[in-house]
Structure formats: C-alpha cells, structure tokens
C-alpha cells in the first residue's frame, strides 16, 4: 500500500506571476518566450504566417500547417465536424492531407496574453512525449489564426462515459475503470517525475480532460493551465487560482500555492468518480452529499460503507478486495494536508497489481480492457 511521505518544507520553491522564474526552464518570466524546441518567431508570429506560403515542415515531430490546409481538413470548419466547444475554443474533427484523422482546436484570440499562452503551449506540448498523453501533431499560426492539431480520440471524454446525458447507459465495467485509473496515474507520473527539464503540474486534471481511444485506453489532455516548477516534491508556484470547482486541492484553492500534490488531489477526485459514479459537486443530492470528497472521505475507511458507495451501474460486478484497495488509494490522494498525499509514482505502483490481477483472472476473455492490458509504459 502507499507509503506516507512528509516532505521537508525548507526546500527550494519558485514564484510565478506573469511567467515562471526558473533559470533551468525554457519559460522566461516577464520577457518574450525563448523557443528552443519550437519553431522560430518571425514577423511577430510563429513560422507559417502567410496562407500557402510554405508547405508543412516537420519540427521534432510537430507539423506546421497553414490555415487553408486545416480549412480543407474540416470541410471549411463545418458545424457538422464540431466535437467539442469550451472556454478556449472550438474543436473540430478533421482529416489531414495524409489521411490522418485529427482533433483540430481553433483557439479564441485574446490579444498579446493569448499569443504568449499559445507559444508557451506549443513549446510545452512539443516536448511532452508519452503514450498516456494526447499527442500534439501540429499547429497553425497563419496570420491571425491560431490552431492546435491533436491526435483524435474516438471515444470522447471520460466524463461522457461516467456521467452520460439523456439517461444513456454507462459503458465502463470494473476492469476498464481500473485500467483508465492506471493510465491517468501514469500520465501524471510522467509529468511530475519524468518530464524534462522540470516537473509539469497539469493544474486542471478532471474527467473532461481524460480522453478515451478506440480500445478504451485513456490519455490526459488539455494543458492550457499547466505550470512548470523546479522541485519534484516541494516546489511551489504562487499563482492565480484557476481550475474546476470540486477538483481543486484545498491549499491551492485557499492560498494559490500550487504543487504536484495539487494534481494528486485532483486524481483522487477522479478516482472517487470512477468508484462511485458521482460528480464532484451535485447540489441535487441530499444535504451532506453535495461535495463528493466531503461525503466520501469519512466512509473510505469503513468496508461496509465503501461497498454502499459503489456505482450502482456496476451491478456488483467487481472484486471486493480490489475495491477496498482503490478506496484506500483514493483516501490518501484526497487528504486535506498536501504533505500526506502520495507521489504519483506510489499510486502507479499500487494500481499495477490490481490491473494485473484483473488481467490474469480474465485472461481468456475478450473485453476491451483485456485486449490492451499489455501496452507499453512511459
């Protein structure tokens, strides 16, 4: 089971206001962004400033597209191809010139601040390569247009499957939920422990930012609020509080101090959603049950109450032994005090045997989950 880790608070920290002040980082605070792994800035915008000027060129795996090419890919950004619409922009399904199906996100223009955020996002995503993160295929910075092109995830978001609208039936069995939890844990482990040059804090990990592929494997997406910091365990960023109600770690919500343990808390909330089928905040429920974490935390150490918490749509089809262990992991992740939350590495190591156990029990089965059990790790 997870080991408790009380971090020394005297280690280095970093402060962030308009940028990240860290000499080892490629993000330069209060100045223009210094691009080493992203294309050069020419004429005040990223390379690709004139429609049709230059054919797409490869840059460390990230392709540069013109606006016209993406217009063709999406049938002139047809409403029929819209697959998502959020605060940052509209996402279209498109077919690129080489036949690749992609998710094309048209970002809303927000002046100089939006331009800087776009450059930072391209720089960050072009350096994050992990099987558990949605891959950036390319971008467009053609005149006033700013678009990001991602790999297409045909089964939409975890939110859609856990909390379907219009009384649709939930499709996720117990094994699939454990596999998704492990995929997400590995994604956050990569960001916190293996990303270069410094750890990345996602800052907005939630069900709508977990995408599902054709094999019901999960990948983490949407790094619009992501931040970098210098210390893997105790490094703090003092920043504006952004994110989604119900997923915010209490210390971040109250003080603006952000660490990797803030992501761990958000992961714990998603784990509770997988366990219970409930949303993080639901004012339609009885008094005392509005906030998922507040309602669940006192019950997670009681075996009988944990069984009562399980998503009814599972219809009892789960291992009680595994259930108790998942409840224990979730309880550790949503601890009110950040220092007592585990590292994502610990969470991954705790989830692996549970997933392997499901695979061994059902090795002769043909479920979506089983077919993908042996995929590579980061």
Protein backbone atom coordinates (compact mmCIF):
# COMPACT_ATOMS: atom_id res chain seq x y z
CA UNK A 1 0.00 0.00 0.00
CA UNK A 2 1.02 3.60 -0.33
CA UNK A 3 3.76 4.99 1.84
CA UNK A 4 3.14 8.32 3.55
CA UNK A 5 5.59 10.98 2.61
CA UNK A 6 6.03 14.06 4.80
CA UNK A 7 8.08 16.48 2.71
CA UNK A 8 10.60 18.87 4.18
CA UNK A 9 9.18 22.36 3.70
CA UNK A 10 12.58 24.04 3.69
CA UNK A 11 13.47 23.01 0.14
CA UNK A 12 13.54 25.40 -2.77
CA UNK A 13 10.45 26.93 -4.24
CA UNK A 14 9.67 29.18 -7.14
CA UNK A 15 7.28 32.09 -7.54
CA UNK A 16 5.17 32.65 -10.62
CA UNK A 17 3.27 35.78 -11.53
CA UNK A 18 3.20 36.52 -15.26
CA UNK A 19 5.67 33.80 -16.04
CA UNK A 20 7.85 31.18 -14.35
CA UNK A 21 11.05 32.47 -12.83
CA UNK A 22 13.32 29.46 -13.22
CA UNK A 23 16.72 29.65 -14.85
CA UNK A 24 16.64 25.99 -15.86
CA UNK A 25 13.30 26.34 -17.62
CA UNK A 26 12.65 27.34 -21.17
CA UNK A 27 9.88 29.59 -19.95
CA UNK A 28 11.31 33.06 -19.34
CA UNK A 29 9.37 35.22 -16.89
CA UNK A 30 8.42 38.78 -17.85
CA UNK A 31 10.14 38.54 -21.26
CA UNK A 32 9.40 37.02 -24.63
CA UNK A 33 9.30 33.24 -24.74
CA UNK A 34 12.60 31.69 -25.72
CA UNK A 35 11.86 28.86 -28.15
CA UNK A 36 14.41 26.08 -28.34
CA UNK A 37 12.15 23.16 -29.24
CA UNK A 38 9.52 25.15 -31.09
CA UNK A 39 9.76 26.97 -34.44
CA UNK A 40 11.32 30.41 -34.65
CA UNK A 41 9.27 33.54 -34.25
CA UNK A 42 9.21 35.53 -37.48
CA UNK A 43 7.46 38.81 -38.05
CA UNK A 44 5.71 38.77 -34.69
CA UNK A 45 4.13 35.31 -35.04
CA UNK A 46 5.19 31.70 -35.31
CA UNK A 47 6.56 30.46 -38.60
CA UNK A 48 3.73 29.94 -41.05
CA UNK A 49 2.44 33.50 -41.16
CA UNK A 50 1.09 33.54 -44.71
CA UNK A 51 -1.50 31.20 -46.14
CA UNK A 52 0.04 28.79 -48.62
CA UNK A 53 3.47 30.39 -48.31
CA UNK A 54 5.33 27.29 -47.25
CA UNK A 55 4.39 23.61 -47.27
CA UNK A 56 4.16 21.95 -43.84
CA UNK A 57 7.60 21.26 -42.41
CA UNK A 58 8.49 18.74 -39.73
CA UNK A 59 9.99 20.06 -36.49
CA UNK A 60 10.83 17.36 -33.98
CA UNK A 61 7.62 15.52 -34.75
CA UNK A 62 5.36 18.58 -34.69
CA UNK A 63 3.97 19.63 -38.07
CA UNK A 64 3.30 23.22 -39.16
CA UNK A 65 0.05 23.74 -41.09
CA UNK A 66 -1.47 26.61 -42.99
CA UNK A 67 -4.99 27.76 -42.25
CA UNK A 68 -6.10 26.72 -45.74
CA UNK A 69 -4.95 23.15 -45.17
CA UNK A 70 -6.98 22.93 -41.98
CA UNK A 71 -9.95 24.51 -43.72
CA UNK A 72 -9.85 21.67 -46.24
CA UNK A 73 -9.38 19.09 -43.47
CA UNK A 74 -12.53 20.23 -41.65
CA UNK A 75 -14.71 20.98 -44.68
CA UNK A 76 -14.34 24.72 -44.06
CA UNK A 77 -14.81 24.23 -40.31
CA UNK A 78 -18.26 22.79 -40.80
CA UNK A 79 -20.56 22.70 -37.78
CA UNK A 80 -21.11 19.02 -38.58
CA UNK A 81 -17.48 18.39 -37.62
CA UNK A 82 -17.60 20.08 -34.21
CA UNK A 83 -16.72 17.59 -31.47
CA UNK A 84 -16.10 19.99 -28.59
CA UNK A 85 -16.68 23.57 -27.52
CA UNK A 86 -15.03 25.02 -24.42
CA UNK A 87 -13.75 28.23 -22.94
CA UNK A 88 -10.55 28.20 -25.00
CA UNK A 89 -12.05 27.43 -28.38
CA UNK A 90 -13.90 25.04 -30.66
CA UNK A 91 -12.62 21.54 -31.53
CA UNK A 92 -13.30 20.03 -34.96
CA UNK A 93 -12.81 16.56 -36.34
CA UNK A 94 -10.66 16.77 -39.45
CA UNK A 95 -8.85 14.57 -41.94
CA UNK A 96 -5.34 15.80 -42.75
CA UNK A 97 -3.80 15.57 -46.21
CA UNK A 98 -2.04 12.29 -45.37
CA UNK A 99 -5.35 10.70 -44.25
CA UNK A 100 -4.74 11.11 -40.52
CA UNK A 101 -7.90 11.81 -38.53
CA UNK A 102 -7.19 14.62 -36.09
CA UNK A 103 -8.82 16.86 -33.49
CA UNK A 104 -8.29 20.46 -34.61
CA UNK A 105 -8.72 23.11 -31.94
CA UNK A 106 -9.36 26.68 -33.08
CA UNK A 107 -8.30 28.95 -30.23
CA UNK A 108 -10.07 32.16 -29.39
CA UNK A 109 -7.98 35.29 -29.83
CA UNK A 110 -7.10 37.04 -26.59
CA UNK A 111 -4.59 39.72 -27.57
CA UNK A 112 -0.93 39.62 -26.54
CA UNK A 113 -1.63 37.46 -23.50
CA UNK A 114 -3.36 34.87 -25.67
CA UNK A 115 -0.48 34.93 -28.15
CA UNK A 116 2.03 34.31 -25.39
CA UNK A 117 -0.09 31.49 -23.96
CA UNK A 118 -0.27 29.91 -27.43
CA UNK A 119 3.51 29.96 -27.83
CA UNK A 120 4.04 28.51 -24.37
CA UNK A 121 1.52 25.76 -25.04
CA UNK A 122 3.19 24.76 -28.33
CA UNK A 123 6.61 24.81 -26.67
CA UNK A 124 5.41 22.64 -23.78
CA UNK A 125 3.41 20.13 -25.80
CA UNK A 126 6.13 19.68 -28.40
CA UNK A 127 8.39 18.36 -25.64
CA UNK A 128 5.93 16.04 -23.85
CA UNK A 129 6.04 12.61 -25.44
CA UNK A 130 4.30 9.85 -23.51
CA UNK A 131 1.80 7.13 -24.50
CA UNK A 132 -0.56 8.39 -21.79
CA UNK A 133 -0.74 12.00 -23.02
CA UNK A 134 -2.74 13.14 -26.05
CA UNK A 135 -0.14 13.90 -28.71
CA UNK A 136 0.27 17.27 -30.37
CA UNK A 137 0.50 16.57 -34.11
CA UNK A 138 0.98 20.16 -35.21
CA UNK A 139 -0.17 23.75 -35.07
CA UNK A 140 -1.13 26.69 -37.24
CA UNK A 141 -0.04 30.29 -36.69
CA UNK A 142 -1.21 31.63 -40.02
CA UNK A 143 -1.77 35.40 -39.86
CA UNK A 144 -4.37 35.92 -37.11
CA UNK A 145 -5.36 32.26 -36.87
CA UNK A 146 -4.12 30.09 -34.00
CA UNK A 147 -4.94 26.37 -34.05
CA UNK A 148 -3.60 23.23 -32.40
CA UNK A 149 -3.83 19.79 -34.03
CA UNK A 150 -4.04 16.74 -31.75
CA UNK A 151 -4.43 13.03 -32.25
CA UNK A 152 -8.09 12.05 -32.48
CA UNK A 153 -9.61 10.08 -29.60
CA UNK A 154 -12.78 8.47 -31.00
CA UNK A 155 -14.49 7.61 -27.72
CA UNK A 156 -14.59 11.14 -26.36
CA UNK A 157 -14.10 12.04 -22.72
CA UNK A 158 -14.26 10.04 -19.52
CA UNK A 159 -16.97 12.50 -18.45
CA UNK A 160 -19.18 11.28 -21.30
CA UNK A 161 -18.88 7.65 -20.19
CA UNK A 162 -19.05 8.13 -16.42
CA UNK A 163 -21.77 10.78 -16.42
CA UNK A 164 -23.74 10.27 -19.64
CA UNK A 165 -26.55 12.65 -20.53
CA UNK A 166 -30.03 11.75 -21.74
CA UNK A 167 -30.17 8.69 -19.47
CA UNK A 168 -27.71 6.76 -21.62
CA UNK A 169 -26.36 3.55 -20.14
CA UNK A 170 -22.84 3.64 -18.68
CA UNK A 171 -20.36 1.54 -20.65
CA UNK A 172 -17.46 1.17 -18.22
CA UNK A 173 -17.04 -2.13 -16.40
CA UNK A 174 -14.83 -2.51 -13.32
CA UNK A 175 -11.75 -3.69 -15.22
CA UNK A 176 -11.96 -0.81 -17.69
CA UNK A 177 -12.22 1.68 -14.83
CA UNK A 178 -9.08 0.30 -13.17
CA UNK A 179 -7.23 0.43 -16.47
CA UNK A 180 -8.28 4.04 -17.02
CA UNK A 181 -7.17 4.94 -13.50
CA UNK A 182 -3.75 3.41 -14.13
CA UNK A 183 -3.38 5.17 -17.49
CA UNK A 184 -4.18 8.52 -15.86
CA UNK A 185 -1.81 7.83 -12.97
CA UNK A 186 0.99 7.06 -15.41
CA UNK A 187 0.31 10.28 -17.30
CA UNK A 188 0.63 12.36 -14.13
CA UNK A 189 3.64 10.34 -13.00
CA UNK A 190 5.34 11.23 -16.29
CA UNK A 191 4.52 14.93 -15.90
CA UNK A 192 5.71 15.06 -12.28
CA UNK A 193 8.71 12.73 -12.39
CA UNK A 194 9.96 12.28 -15.94
CA UNK A 195 9.29 15.46 -17.91
CA UNK A 196 12.32 17.50 -18.97
CA UNK A 197 13.75 19.91 -17.90
CA UNK A 198 11.43 20.32 -14.89
CA UNK A 199 8.24 18.78 -13.47
CA UNK A 200 4.95 19.84 -15.03
CA UNK A 201 1.83 20.47 -12.93
CA UNK A 202 -1.30 19.89 -15.01
CA UNK A 203 -3.49 22.08 -12.77
CA UNK A 204 -6.78 21.08 -14.42
CA UNK A 205 -6.93 17.30 -14.23
CA UNK A 206 -10.56 16.18 -14.40
CA UNK A 207 -12.86 13.76 -16.24
CA UNK A 208 -13.42 16.08 -19.20
CA UNK A 209 -9.64 16.23 -19.75
CA UNK A 210 -9.30 12.46 -19.89
CA UNK A 211 -9.88 11.19 -23.43
CA UNK A 212 -10.67 7.62 -24.43
CA UNK A 213 -9.35 5.89 -27.56
CA UNK A 214 -10.88 3.14 -29.67
CA UNK A 215 -9.67 0.48 -27.22
CA UNK A 216 -10.98 2.33 -24.17
CA UNK A 217 -7.50 3.31 -23.10
CA UNK A 218 -7.15 6.74 -21.50
CA UNK A 219 -4.91 9.69 -22.30
CA UNK A 220 -4.68 13.02 -20.49
CA UNK A 221 -5.26 16.19 -22.49
CA UNK A 222 -5.68 19.98 -22.24
CA UNK A 223 -2.55 21.61 -20.85
CA UNK A 224 -3.91 25.13 -21.08
CA UNK A 225 -3.38 25.76 -17.35
CA UNK A 226 -0.21 23.67 -16.94
CA UNK A 227 2.74 25.10 -15.00
CA UNK A 228 6.36 24.08 -14.55
CA UNK A 229 8.36 24.14 -11.32
CA UNK A 230 11.88 23.38 -10.20
CA UNK A 231 11.44 20.84 -7.40
CA UNK A 232 9.75 17.48 -7.86
CA UNK A 233 8.31 17.21 -4.36
CA UNK A 234 8.09 20.54 -2.58
CA UNK A 235 8.46 23.15 -5.30
CA UNK A 236 5.62 25.67 -5.10
CA UNK A 237 4.18 28.11 -7.57
CA UNK A 238 2.21 31.04 -6.21
CA UNK A 239 -0.32 31.79 -8.91
CA UNK A 240 -3.90 32.75 -9.64
CA UNK A 241 -6.39 30.08 -8.66
CA UNK A 242 -7.70 28.53 -11.86
CA UNK A 243 -9.31 25.19 -12.46
CA UNK A 244 -12.63 23.47 -11.86
CA UNK A 245 -14.69 23.51 -8.67
CA UNK A 246 -14.68 20.13 -7.00
CA UNK A 247 -11.24 19.16 -8.29
CA UNK A 248 -9.16 21.90 -6.65
CA UNK A 249 -6.87 20.90 -3.79
CA UNK A 250 -7.85 22.83 -0.64
CA UNK A 251 -4.46 24.51 -0.13
CA UNK A 252 -4.40 25.68 -3.74
CA UNK A 253 -7.98 26.96 -3.61
CA UNK A 254 -7.35 28.92 -0.41
CA UNK A 255 -3.79 30.23 -0.91
CA UNK A 256 -2.94 29.88 -4.61
CA UNK A 257 0.08 27.71 -3.75
CA UNK A 258 0.40 25.04 -6.41
CA UNK A 259 2.48 21.83 -6.23
CA UNK A 260 2.44 18.41 -7.85
CA UNK A 261 0.38 17.30 -4.85
CA UNK A 262 -2.42 19.52 -6.18
CA UNK A 263 -2.65 17.17 -9.18
CA UNK A 264 -2.63 14.18 -6.82
CA UNK A 265 -5.73 15.57 -5.11
CA UNK A 266 -7.48 16.05 -8.46
CA UNK A 267 -6.58 12.48 -9.40
CA UNK A 268 -8.15 11.29 -6.14
CA UNK A 269 -11.38 13.06 -7.06
CA UNK A 270 -11.45 11.33 -10.46
CA UNK A 271 -10.75 8.01 -8.73
CA UNK A 272 -13.76 8.63 -6.50
CA UNK A 273 -15.84 9.33 -9.60
CA UNK A 274 -14.73 6.00 -11.09
CA UNK A 275 -15.62 4.30 -7.81
CA UNK A 276 -18.98 5.92 -7.10
CA UNK A 277 -20.26 7.19 -10.45
CA UNK A 278 -20.94 10.57 -8.79
CA UNK A 279 -19.87 14.02 -9.96
CA UNK A 280 -17.57 16.14 -7.72
CA UNK A 281 -20.31 18.63 -6.84
CA UNK A 282 -24.02 17.80 -7.04
CA UNK A 283 -26.45 20.12 -5.27
CA UNK A 284 -29.37 17.88 -6.23
CA UNK A 285 -28.26 15.26 -3.72
CA UNK A 286 -29.35 15.29 -0.05
CA UNK A 287 -27.72 17.70 2.37
CA UNK A 288 -24.28 16.42 3.34
CA UNK A 289 -23.75 14.70 -0.02
CA UNK A 290 -23.29 17.76 -2.24
CA UNK A 291 -19.47 17.60 -2.31
CA UNK A 292 -18.10 14.19 -3.28
CA UNK A 293 -14.84 14.36 -1.29
CA UNK A 294 -16.51 15.60 1.92
CA UNK A 295 -19.12 12.86 1.71
CA UNK A 296 -16.77 10.05 0.69
CA UNK A 297 -13.65 10.61 2.81
CA UNK A 298 -15.12 9.55 6.19
CA UNK A 299 -16.57 6.41 4.56
CA UNK A 300 -13.49 5.20 2.70
CA UNK A 301 -12.01 3.50 5.76
CA UNK A 302 -15.21 1.57 6.51
CA UNK A 303 -15.52 -1.58 4.40
CA UNK A 304 -19.28 -1.83 4.67
CA UNK A 305 -19.78 1.81 3.75
CA UNK A 306 -17.34 1.54 0.83
CA UNK A 307 -19.49 -1.22 -0.66
CA UNK A 308 -22.53 1.03 -0.31
CA UNK A 309 -20.70 3.80 -2.19
CA UNK A 310 -20.04 1.79 -5.35
CA UNK A 311 -21.58 2.96 -8.61
CA UNK A 312 -24.89 1.06 -8.93
CA UNK A 313 -24.33 0.66 -12.68
CA UNK A 314 -21.58 -1.88 -11.92
CA UNK A 315 -24.32 -4.19 -10.59
CA UNK A 316 -21.95 -5.81 -8.12
CA UNK A 317 -19.51 -6.94 -10.81
CA UNK A 318 -16.22 -6.13 -9.08
CA UNK A 319 -13.68 -7.59 -6.68
CA UNK A 320 -14.37 -6.52 -3.11
CA UNK A 321 -10.68 -6.89 -2.29
CA UNK A 322 -9.73 -4.57 -5.14
CA UNK A 323 -12.49 -2.17 -4.13
CA UNK A 324 -11.06 -1.78 -0.63
CA UNK A 325 -7.60 -1.05 -2.05
CA UNK A 326 -8.96 1.51 -4.53
CA UNK A 327 -10.80 3.19 -1.66
CA UNK A 328 -7.56 3.34 0.34
CA UNK A 329 -5.67 4.89 -2.58
CA UNK A 330 -8.42 7.47 -3.11
CA UNK A 331 -8.45 8.32 0.60
CA UNK A 332 -4.70 9.01 0.55
CA UNK A 333 -4.93 11.16 -2.59
CA UNK A 334 -7.64 13.46 -1.20
CA UNK A 335 -6.01 14.03 2.19
CA UNK A 336 -6.63 17.65 3.28
CA UNK A 337 -2.93 18.15 4.05
CA UNK A 338 -0.84 18.01 0.90
CA UNK A 339 2.24 16.53 2.59
CA UNK A 340 0.33 13.34 3.40
CA UNK A 341 -0.74 12.69 -0.17
CA UNK A 342 1.35 10.12 -2.04
CA UNK A 343 3.54 10.72 -5.05
CA UNK A 344 2.00 9.62 -8.34
CA UNK A 345 4.79 7.03 -8.60
CA UNK A 346 3.41 5.41 -5.44
CA UNK A 347 -0.10 5.49 -6.86
CA UNK A 348 1.06 3.80 -10.08
CA UNK A 349 2.84 1.05 -8.16
CA UNK A 350 -0.30 0.46 -6.07
CA UNK A 351 -2.57 0.22 -9.11
CA UNK A 352 -0.38 -2.08 -11.24
CA UNK A 353 -1.05 -5.29 -9.25
CA UNK A 354 -4.80 -4.61 -9.26
CA UNK A 355 -4.84 -4.28 -13.03
CA UNK A 356 -2.61 -7.34 -13.47
CA UNK A 357 -4.95 -9.31 -11.22
CA UNK A 358 -7.94 -8.43 -13.39
CA UNK A 359 -5.98 -9.49 -16.48
CA UNK A 360 -4.94 -12.84 -15.01
CA UNK A 361 -8.45 -13.69 -13.83
CA UNK A 362 -9.95 -12.93 -17.24
CA UNK A 363 -7.03 -13.89 -19.49
CA UNK A 364 -9.29 -15.90 -21.76
CA UNK A 365 -11.83 -13.05 -22.10
CA UNK A 366 -12.23 -10.65 -24.99
CA UNK A 367 -13.16 -7.39 -23.28
CA UNK A 368 -11.84 -4.04 -24.48
CA UNK A 369 -9.84 -3.81 -21.27
CA UNK A 370 -8.13 -7.19 -21.60
CA UNK A 371 -7.04 -6.70 -25.18
CA UNK A 372 -4.99 -3.69 -24.19
CA UNK A 373 -3.54 -4.82 -20.87
CA UNK A 374 0.00 -5.21 -22.14
CA UNK A 375 0.60 -1.79 -23.67
CA UNK A 376 3.97 -0.11 -23.11
CA UNK A 377 4.70 2.12 -20.18
CA UNK A 378 6.15 5.63 -20.32
